[in-house]
């Protein structure tokens, strides 16, 4: 490890939107981003209001190990409660017991959020996820599930369903890439509405 941080630095295990948007407080304290495989399987198995009711990543048995990041902070153990508070706010104020702590990647104090899966098993497939993602663009143009998926792919976060899910969105929208799919979903509300039902 480089000299500027070590095992006693606080860290957050990130595998989704925390990578591109850690929030102001957390973002200002990040001193390193260390590649680290997830200790558990991850999959698109939760609908998130903050993403227009679109699919988001959570720990899930049907998923796979992803190449996440440890967001290493310039904070030590004495600031653990403060970091918990920031992460709780950043994650939308979930039940506090969903914020968990582990040792990981050589760091003694790693926080992560273990949000519940809200999708039924029969909804965790590429076609269902694509329908939800397309609808999420109309529900939340700025923070939707298509953009979320694109950002995760950009960060190298790949689950067993990632590419089939992406391809289903492209097929349904007739787009060449996810940026175009997002634009099509936003501008073609009436045409896509009939395809979604």
C-alpha atoms as a PDB file:
ATOM      1  CA  UNK A   1       0.000   0.000   0.000  1.00  0.00           C
ATOM      2  CA  UNK A   2       1.216   3.530  -0.678  1.00  0.00           C
ATOM      3  CA  UNK A   3       2.439   5.537   2.313  1.00  0.00           C
ATOM      4  CA  UNK A   4      -0.525   7.934   2.430  1.00  0.00           C
ATOM      5  CA  UNK A   5      -3.019   5.315   3.673  1.00  0.00           C
ATOM      6  CA  UNK A   6      -3.080   1.997   5.471  1.00  0.00           C
ATOM      7  CA  UNK A   7      -5.285  -0.637   7.143  1.00  0.00           C
ATOM      8  CA  UNK A   8      -6.623   1.825   9.731  1.00  0.00           C
ATOM      9  CA  UNK A   9      -8.082   4.203   7.136  1.00  0.00           C
ATOM     10  CA  UNK A  10     -11.836   4.012   6.815  1.00  0.00           C
ATOM     11  CA  UNK A  11     -13.195   2.738   3.495  1.00  0.00           C
ATOM     12  CA  UNK A  12     -16.506   2.107   1.754  1.00  0.00           C
ATOM     13  CA  UNK A  13     -17.083  -0.861  -0.536  1.00  0.00           C
ATOM     14  CA  UNK A  14     -18.688   0.575  -3.706  1.00  0.00           C
ATOM     15  CA  UNK A  15     -20.194  -1.367  -6.608  1.00  0.00           C
ATOM     16  CA  UNK A  16     -22.856   0.937  -8.088  1.00  0.00           C
ATOM     17  CA  UNK A  17     -23.756   4.612  -8.055  1.00  0.00           C
ATOM     18  CA  UNK A  18     -21.279   5.380  -5.255  1.00  0.00           C
ATOM     19  CA  UNK A  19     -18.544   5.011  -7.878  1.00  0.00           C
ATOM     20  CA  UNK A  20     -19.784   7.891 -10.025  1.00  0.00           C
ATOM     21  CA  UNK A  21     -21.573   9.908  -7.326  1.00  0.00           C
ATOM     22  CA  UNK A  22     -20.249   9.328  -3.798  1.00  0.00           C
ATOM     23  CA  UNK A  23     -21.877  12.513  -2.494  1.00  0.00           C
ATOM     24  CA  UNK A  24     -20.241  15.763  -1.435  1.00  0.00           C
ATOM     25  CA  UNK A  25     -19.067  14.747   2.053  1.00  0.00           C
ATOM     26  CA  UNK A  26     -17.730  11.323   1.091  1.00  0.00           C
ATOM     27  CA  UNK A  27     -16.313  12.497  -2.246  1.00  0.00           C
ATOM     28  CA  UNK A  28     -14.255  15.220  -0.591  1.00  0.00           C
ATOM     29  CA  UNK A  29     -12.537  12.641   1.663  1.00  0.00           C
ATOM     30  CA  UNK A  30     -11.638   9.949  -0.920  1.00  0.00           C
ATOM     31  CA  UNK A  31      -7.869   9.557  -1.255  1.00  0.00           C
ATOM     32  CA  UNK A  32      -7.773   6.285  -3.225  1.00  0.00           C
ATOM     33  CA  UNK A  33      -9.980   3.895  -5.175  1.00  0.00           C
ATOM     34  CA  UNK A  34      -8.724   0.342  -4.794  1.00  0.00           C
ATOM     35  CA  UNK A  35     -10.009  -2.441  -7.075  1.00  0.00           C
ATOM     36  CA  UNK A  36     -11.557  -5.211  -4.998  1.00  0.00           C
ATOM     37  CA  UNK A  37     -13.781  -8.156  -5.934  1.00  0.00           C
ATOM     38  CA  UNK A  38     -17.105  -8.150  -4.107  1.00  0.00           C
ATOM     39  CA  UNK A  39     -17.204 -10.554  -1.148  1.00  0.00           C
ATOM     40  CA  UNK A  40     -20.734 -11.594  -2.221  1.00  0.00           C
ATOM     41  CA  UNK A  41     -22.721 -11.958  -5.462  1.00  0.00           C
ATOM     42  CA  UNK A  42     -24.271  -8.756  -6.873  1.00  0.00           C
ATOM     43  CA  UNK A  43     -27.184  -8.405  -9.305  1.00  0.00           C
ATOM     44  CA  UNK A  44     -29.866  -5.973 -10.518  1.00  0.00           C
ATOM     45  CA  UNK A  45     -32.518  -7.116  -8.049  1.00  0.00           C
ATOM     46  CA  UNK A  46     -33.970  -3.953  -6.484  1.00  0.00           C
ATOM     47  CA  UNK A  47     -36.280  -1.228  -7.760  1.00  0.00           C
ATOM     48  CA  UNK A  48     -35.166   2.165  -6.507  1.00  0.00           C
ATOM     49  CA  UNK A  49     -37.407   5.215  -6.256  1.00  0.00           C
ATOM     50  CA  UNK A  50     -34.306   7.387  -6.593  1.00  0.00           C
ATOM     51  CA  UNK A  51     -33.781   5.816 -10.053  1.00  0.00           C
ATOM     52  CA  UNK A  52     -37.329   6.294 -11.313  1.00  0.00           C
ATOM     53  CA  UNK A  53     -38.339   2.873  -9.958  1.00  0.00           C
ATOM     54  CA  UNK A  54     -35.693   1.275 -12.160  1.00  0.00           C
ATOM     55  CA  UNK A  55     -33.434  -1.684 -11.340  1.00  0.00           C
ATOM     56  CA  UNK A  56     -30.360  -1.173  -9.157  1.00  0.00           C
ATOM     57  CA  UNK A  57     -27.600  -3.409  -7.856  1.00  0.00           C
ATOM     58  CA  UNK A  58     -27.803  -5.197  -4.516  1.00  0.00           C
ATOM     59  CA  UNK A  59     -26.318  -8.275  -2.918  1.00  0.00           C
ATOM     60  CA  UNK A  60     -28.243 -11.216  -4.393  1.00  0.00           C
ATOM     61  CA  UNK A  61     -27.716 -14.966  -4.617  1.00  0.00           C
ATOM     62  CA  UNK A  62     -28.407 -15.089  -8.382  1.00  0.00           C
ATOM     63  CA  UNK A  63     -25.714 -12.524  -9.123  1.00  0.00           C
ATOM     64  CA  UNK A  64     -21.991 -12.780  -9.554  1.00  0.00           C
ATOM     65  CA  UNK A  65     -18.793 -11.424  -8.083  1.00  0.00           C
ATOM     66  CA  UNK A  66     -18.117  -7.940  -9.480  1.00  0.00           C
ATOM     67  CA  UNK A  67     -14.960  -5.846  -9.557  1.00  0.00           C
ATOM     68  CA  UNK A  68     -15.946  -3.160  -7.067  1.00  0.00           C
ATOM     69  CA  UNK A  69     -13.805  -0.469  -5.463  1.00  0.00           C
ATOM     70  CA  UNK A  70     -12.782   0.323  -1.941  1.00  0.00           C
ATOM     71  CA  UNK A  71     -13.199   4.071  -1.574  1.00  0.00           C
ATOM     72  CA  UNK A  72     -10.375   4.787   0.855  1.00  0.00           C
ATOM     73  CA  UNK A  73     -10.932   7.924   2.931  1.00  0.00           C
ATOM     74  CA  UNK A  74      -8.603  10.253   4.805  1.00  0.00           C
ATOM     75  CA  UNK A  75     -10.450   9.275   7.980  1.00  0.00           C
ATOM     76  CA  UNK A  76      -9.565   6.940  10.843  1.00  0.00           C
ATOM     77  CA  UNK A  77     -11.565   4.771  13.275  1.00  0.00           C
ATOM     78  CA  UNK A  78     -12.567   7.730  15.484  1.00  0.00           C
ATOM     79  CA  UNK A  79     -14.625   9.115  12.581  1.00  0.00           C
ATOM     80  CA  UNK A  80     -16.546   5.876  11.949  1.00  0.00           C
ATOM     81  CA  UNK A  81     -19.858   7.248  13.293  1.00  0.00           C
ATOM     82  CA  UNK A  82     -19.538  10.333  11.076  1.00  0.00           C
ATOM     83  CA  UNK A  83     -18.888   8.163   8.016  1.00  0.00           C
ATOM     84  CA  UNK A  84     -21.877   5.964   8.876  1.00  0.00           C
ATOM     85  CA  UNK A  85     -24.053   9.086   8.984  1.00  0.00           C
ATOM     86  CA  UNK A  86     -22.782  10.307   5.600  1.00  0.00           C
ATOM     87  CA  UNK A  87     -23.323   6.894   4.008  1.00  0.00           C
ATOM     88  CA  UNK A  88     -26.811   6.620   5.540  1.00  0.00           C
ATOM     89  CA  UNK A  89     -27.727  10.017   4.051  1.00  0.00           C
ATOM     90  CA  UNK A  90     -26.135   9.183   0.684  1.00  0.00           C
ATOM     91  CA  UNK A  91     -28.011   5.873   0.429  1.00  0.00           C
ATOM     92  CA  UNK A  92     -31.404   7.512   1.013  1.00  0.00           C
ATOM     93  CA  UNK A  93     -31.724   6.957   4.767  1.00  0.00           C
ATOM     94  CA  UNK A  94     -32.386   3.205   4.806  1.00  0.00           C
ATOM     95  CA  UNK A  95     -32.974   1.325   8.045  1.00  0.00           C
ATOM     96  CA  UNK A  96     -29.756   1.797   9.998  1.00  0.00           C
ATOM     97  CA  UNK A  97     -29.129  -1.917  10.414  1.00  0.00           C
ATOM     98  CA  UNK A  98     -28.641  -2.124   6.630  1.00  0.00           C
ATOM     99  CA  UNK A  99     -25.373  -0.197   7.000  1.00  0.00           C
ATOM    100  CA  UNK A 100     -22.810  -2.860   7.776  1.00  0.00           C
ATOM    101  CA  UNK A 101     -19.114  -3.081   8.550  1.00  0.00           C
ATOM    102  CA  UNK A 102     -16.485  -5.620   7.499  1.00  0.00           C
ATOM    103  CA  UNK A 103     -12.770  -6.057   7.036  1.00  0.00           C
ATOM    104  CA  UNK A 104     -11.866  -6.230   3.366  1.00  0.00           C
ATOM    105  CA  UNK A 105      -8.902  -5.791   1.042  1.00  0.00           C
ATOM    106  CA  UNK A 106      -6.476  -5.216   3.899  1.00  0.00           C
ATOM    107  CA  UNK A 107      -8.642  -2.510   5.527  1.00  0.00           C
ATOM    108  CA  UNK A 108     -10.000  -2.965   9.037  1.00  0.00           C
ATOM    109  CA  UNK A 109     -13.041  -0.659   8.799  1.00  0.00           C
ATOM    110  CA  UNK A 110     -15.031  -0.991   5.572  1.00  0.00           C
ATOM    111  CA  UNK A 111     -18.661   0.122   5.435  1.00  0.00           C
ATOM    112  CA  UNK A 112     -21.240  -0.992   2.889  1.00  0.00           C
ATOM    113  CA  UNK A 113     -24.995  -0.799   2.486  1.00  0.00           C
ATOM    114  CA  UNK A 114     -26.923  -4.066   2.244  1.00  0.00           C
ATOM    115  CA  UNK A 115     -30.258  -2.913   0.791  1.00  0.00           C
ATOM    116  CA  UNK A 116     -32.935  -5.549   0.322  1.00  0.00           C
ATOM    117  CA  UNK A 117     -33.760  -7.049  -3.036  1.00  0.00           C
ATOM    118  CA  UNK A 118     -37.303  -5.987  -3.958  1.00  0.00           C
ATOM    119  CA  UNK A 119     -37.711  -7.810  -7.266  1.00  0.00           C
ATOM    120  CA  UNK A 120     -39.368 -11.208  -7.403  1.00  0.00           C
ATOM    121  CA  UNK A 121     -37.244 -14.049  -8.764  1.00  0.00           C
ATOM    122  CA  UNK A 122     -39.283 -14.074 -11.998  1.00  0.00           C
ATOM    123  CA  UNK A 123     -38.502 -10.368 -12.526  1.00  0.00           C
ATOM    124  CA  UNK A 124     -34.741 -10.845 -12.393  1.00  0.00           C
ATOM    125  CA  UNK A 125     -34.209 -11.378 -16.103  1.00  0.00           C
ATOM    126  CA  UNK A 126     -33.008  -9.177 -18.955  1.00  0.00           C
ATOM    127  CA  UNK A 127     -36.432  -8.462 -20.499  1.00  0.00           C
ATOM    128  CA  UNK A 128     -38.114  -7.480 -17.217  1.00  0.00           C
ATOM    129  CA  UNK A 129     -35.165  -5.320 -16.202  1.00  0.00           C
ATOM    130  CA  UNK A 130     -35.199  -3.597 -19.611  1.00  0.00           C
ATOM    131  CA  UNK A 131     -38.913  -2.769 -19.322  1.00  0.00           C
ATOM    132  CA  UNK A 132     -38.364  -1.266 -15.868  1.00  0.00           C
ATOM    133  CA  UNK A 133     -35.296   0.681 -17.000  1.00  0.00           C
ATOM    134  CA  UNK A 134     -37.077   2.208 -19.996  1.00  0.00           C
ATOM    135  CA  UNK A 135     -40.032   3.224 -17.812  1.00  0.00           C
ATOM    136  CA  UNK A 136     -37.614   4.761 -15.283  1.00  0.00           C
ATOM    137  CA  UNK A 137     -36.506   7.370 -17.849  1.00  0.00           C
ATOM    138  CA  UNK A 138     -40.012   8.808 -17.927  1.00  0.00           C
ATOM    139  CA  UNK A 139     -40.249   8.657 -14.134  1.00  0.00           C
ATOM    140  CA  UNK A 140     -36.878  10.325 -13.505  1.00  0.00           C
ATOM    141  CA  UNK A 141     -35.143  11.782 -16.542  1.00  0.00           C
ATOM    142  CA  UNK A 142     -32.043  12.912 -14.621  1.00  0.00           C
ATOM    143  CA  UNK A 143     -31.504   9.791 -12.468  1.00  0.00           C
ATOM    144  CA  UNK A 144     -32.777   6.802 -14.395  1.00  0.00           C
ATOM    145  CA  UNK A 145     -31.863   3.135 -14.622  1.00  0.00           C
ATOM    146  CA  UNK A 146     -30.504   3.272 -18.194  1.00  0.00           C
ATOM    147  CA  UNK A 147     -27.936   5.902 -17.196  1.00  0.00           C
ATOM    148  CA  UNK A 148     -27.189   3.902 -14.016  1.00  0.00           C
ATOM    149  CA  UNK A 149     -26.523   0.759 -16.084  1.00  0.00           C
ATOM    150  CA  UNK A 150     -24.263   2.698 -18.482  1.00  0.00           C
ATOM    151  CA  UNK A 151     -22.250   4.154 -15.584  1.00  0.00           C
ATOM    152  CA  UNK A 152     -21.859   0.719 -14.003  1.00  0.00           C
ATOM    153  CA  UNK A 153     -20.580  -0.751 -17.283  1.00  0.00           C
ATOM    154  CA  UNK A 154     -18.195   2.199 -17.633  1.00  0.00           C
ATOM    155  CA  UNK A 155     -16.807   1.397 -14.162  1.00  0.00           C
ATOM    156  CA  UNK A 156     -16.400  -2.288 -15.053  1.00  0.00           C
ATOM    157  CA  UNK A 157     -19.234  -3.488 -12.818  1.00  0.00           C
ATOM    158  CA  UNK A 158     -20.490  -6.538 -14.710  1.00  0.00           C
ATOM    159  CA  UNK A 159     -23.006  -9.037 -13.332  1.00  0.00           C
ATOM    160  CA  UNK A 160     -24.290 -12.205 -15.025  1.00  0.00           C
ATOM    161  CA  UNK A 161     -27.247 -10.207 -16.445  1.00  0.00           C
ATOM    162  CA  UNK A 162     -25.447  -6.972 -17.399  1.00  0.00           C
ATOM    163  CA  UNK A 163     -24.939  -7.473 -21.127  1.00  0.00           C
ATOM    164  CA  UNK A 164     -28.225  -9.292 -21.798  1.00  0.00           C
ATOM    165  CA  UNK A 165     -29.989  -6.491 -19.889  1.00  0.00           C
ATOM    166  CA  UNK A 166     -28.180  -3.845 -21.950  1.00  0.00           C
ATOM    167  CA  UNK A 167     -28.978  -5.677 -25.193  1.00  0.00           C
ATOM    168  CA  UNK A 168     -32.677  -5.956 -24.263  1.00  0.00           C
ATOM    169  CA  UNK A 169     -32.820  -2.169 -23.744  1.00  0.00           C
ATOM    170  CA  UNK A 170     -31.130  -1.585 -27.115  1.00  0.00           C
ATOM    171  CA  UNK A 171     -33.519  -3.992 -28.859  1.00  0.00           C
ATOM    172  CA  UNK A 172     -36.628  -2.425 -27.303  1.00  0.00           C
ATOM    173  CA  UNK A 173     -35.542   1.141 -28.106  1.00  0.00           C
ATOM    174  CA  UNK A 174     -33.897   0.422 -31.472  1.00  0.00           C
ATOM    175  CA  UNK A 175     -30.830   2.292 -30.206  1.00  0.00           C
ATOM    176  CA  UNK A 176     -27.155   1.700 -30.968  1.00  0.00           C
ATOM    177  CA  UNK A 177     -25.971   2.452 -27.410  1.00  0.00           C
ATOM    178  CA  UNK A 178     -27.365   3.256 -23.970  1.00  0.00           C
ATOM    179  CA  UNK A 179     -27.020   7.029 -24.395  1.00  0.00           C
ATOM    180  CA  UNK A 180     -29.222   6.859 -27.473  1.00  0.00           C
ATOM    181  CA  UNK A 181     -31.599   4.434 -25.701  1.00  0.00           C
ATOM    182  CA  UNK A 182     -32.055   6.954 -22.901  1.00  0.00           C
ATOM    183  CA  UNK A 183     -32.855   9.710 -25.425  1.00  0.00           C
ATOM    184  CA  UNK A 184     -35.295   7.452 -27.303  1.00  0.00           C
ATOM    185  CA  UNK A 185     -37.038   6.461 -24.079  1.00  0.00           C
ATOM    186  CA  UNK A 186     -37.412  10.088 -23.077  1.00  0.00           C
ATOM    187  CA  UNK A 187     -38.740  11.276 -26.443  1.00  0.00           C
ATOM    188  CA  UNK A 188     -40.861   8.275 -27.387  1.00  0.00           C
ATOM    189  CA  UNK A 189     -43.131   7.967 -24.376  1.00  0.00           C
ATOM    190  CA  UNK A 190     -46.259   7.084 -26.361  1.00  0.00           C
ATOM    191  CA  UNK A 191     -44.627   4.529 -28.683  1.00  0.00           C
ATOM    192  CA  UNK A 192     -42.776   2.763 -25.876  1.00  0.00           C
ATOM    193  CA  UNK A 193     -45.774   2.794 -23.530  1.00  0.00           C
ATOM    194  CA  UNK A 194     -47.587   0.307 -25.758  1.00  0.00           C
ATOM    195  CA  UNK A 195     -44.476  -1.948 -25.946  1.00  0.00           C
ATOM    196  CA  UNK A 196     -44.114  -2.002 -22.179  1.00  0.00           C
ATOM    197  CA  UNK A 197     -47.553  -3.519 -21.599  1.00  0.00           C
END
